Amino acid sequence: MPNYIIAYHGAGKFETPEQGAAARAKWKVWVGGLGDAVVNPGTPLVRGKLVSSAGVSKRQDDLLTGFSVVRADNMDAAQDRSRLFAP
């Protein structure tokens, strides 16, 4: 069974600590529900920079901020798994 990357985009900032805790709790439930399909539950990417032909600039909010890796039969099944968690 192949592996698929679920990519996270955006800043992921919360207005209150409670909102952050609620989002983390929802994510933990999602990861727990994936069972043995989880290859990598999540890797945050922080302090990134945008590298382009124009040079290097500070990270933008729409850049990749993290990823998870799941095992699924096909792309459709991987997408179904990723839809279960929408922060």
Protein backbone atom coordinates (compact mmCIF):
# COMPACT_ATOMS: atom_id res chain seq x y z
CA MET A 1 0.00 0.00 0.00
CA PRO A 2 1.50 3.38 -0.98
CA ASN A 3 2.14 6.37 1.28
CA TYR A 4 0.62 9.82 0.73
CA ILE A 5 1.58 13.20 2.15
CA ILE A 6 -1.06 15.44 3.66
CA ALA A 7 0.35 18.97 3.50
CA TYR A 8 -0.65 21.79 5.84
CA HIS A 9 -0.60 25.40 4.66
CA GLY A 10 -1.00 28.60 6.62
CA ALA A 11 0.17 30.21 9.80
CA GLY A 12 -1.82 28.11 12.27
CA LYS A 13 -2.04 30.95 14.77
CA PHE A 14 -4.78 31.03 17.37
CA GLU A 15 -6.25 34.02 19.15
CA THR A 16 -6.32 32.27 22.53
CA PRO A 17 -4.48 29.34 24.14
CA GLU A 18 -7.86 27.60 24.45
CA GLN A 19 -8.38 27.72 20.67
CA GLY A 20 -4.94 26.22 20.15
CA ALA A 21 -5.65 23.48 22.68
CA ALA A 22 -8.99 22.68 21.01
CA ALA A 23 -7.31 22.41 17.58
CA ARG A 24 -4.58 20.13 18.97
CA ALA A 25 -7.21 17.94 20.66
CA LYS A 26 -9.14 17.63 17.36
CA TRP A 27 -5.91 16.72 15.55
CA LYS A 28 -5.07 14.03 18.15
CA VAL A 29 -8.51 12.45 17.71
CA TRP A 30 -8.02 12.47 13.93
CA VAL A 31 -4.56 10.87 14.13
CA GLY A 32 -5.82 8.29 16.63
CA GLY A 33 -8.67 7.39 14.29
CA LEU A 34 -6.27 6.65 11.44
CA GLY A 35 -4.84 3.65 13.29
CA ASP A 36 -2.12 1.77 11.43
CA ALA A 37 -2.55 3.99 8.35
CA VAL A 38 -0.31 6.58 10.05
CA VAL A 39 3.26 6.52 8.79
CA ASN A 40 4.21 9.94 10.23
CA PRO A 41 1.56 11.62 12.40
CA GLY A 42 2.88 15.09 11.74
CA THR A 43 5.97 17.17 11.23
CA PRO A 44 5.72 20.93 11.70
CA LEU A 45 7.83 23.15 9.48
CA VAL A 46 8.73 26.45 11.09
CA ARG A 47 10.86 29.47 10.29
CA GLY A 48 10.79 28.78 6.59
CA LYS A 49 11.77 31.16 3.85
CA LEU A 50 10.50 31.59 0.33
CA VAL A 51 13.24 30.93 -2.22
CA SER A 52 12.56 32.11 -5.77
CA SER A 53 14.37 33.54 -8.76
CA ALA A 54 13.84 36.97 -7.16
CA GLY A 55 15.82 35.93 -4.09
CA VAL A 56 15.04 34.80 -0.55
CA SER A 57 12.31 36.41 1.52
CA LYS A 58 10.63 35.84 4.87
CA ARG A 59 8.04 33.12 5.06
CA GLN A 60 4.56 33.88 3.81
CA ASP A 61 1.36 32.60 5.45
CA ASP A 62 0.47 30.41 2.47
CA LEU A 63 3.67 28.36 2.53
CA LEU A 64 3.89 24.76 3.67
CA THR A 65 3.81 24.69 7.48
CA GLY A 66 3.75 20.94 8.12
CA PHE A 67 2.83 17.51 6.85
CA SER A 68 1.61 14.06 7.81
CA VAL A 69 2.15 10.80 5.95
CA VAL A 70 -0.63 8.20 5.68
CA ARG A 71 -0.87 4.80 4.05
CA ALA A 72 -3.86 4.30 1.74
CA ASP A 73 -4.94 2.10 -1.16
CA ASN A 74 -5.07 5.05 -3.59
CA MET A 75 -5.21 8.84 -3.83
CA ASP A 76 -8.98 8.93 -3.30
CA ALA A 77 -8.67 6.97 -0.07
CA ALA A 78 -5.86 9.25 1.12
CA GLN A 79 -8.02 12.30 0.37
CA ASP A 80 -10.89 10.77 2.32
CA ARG A 81 -8.58 10.31 5.29
CA SER A 82 -7.38 13.92 5.09
CA ARG A 83 -10.94 15.27 4.93
CA LEU A 84 -11.61 13.84 8.39
CA PHE A 85 -9.40 16.58 9.78
CA ALA A 86 -9.94 20.15 8.71
CA PRO A 87 -8.46 22.57 11.23
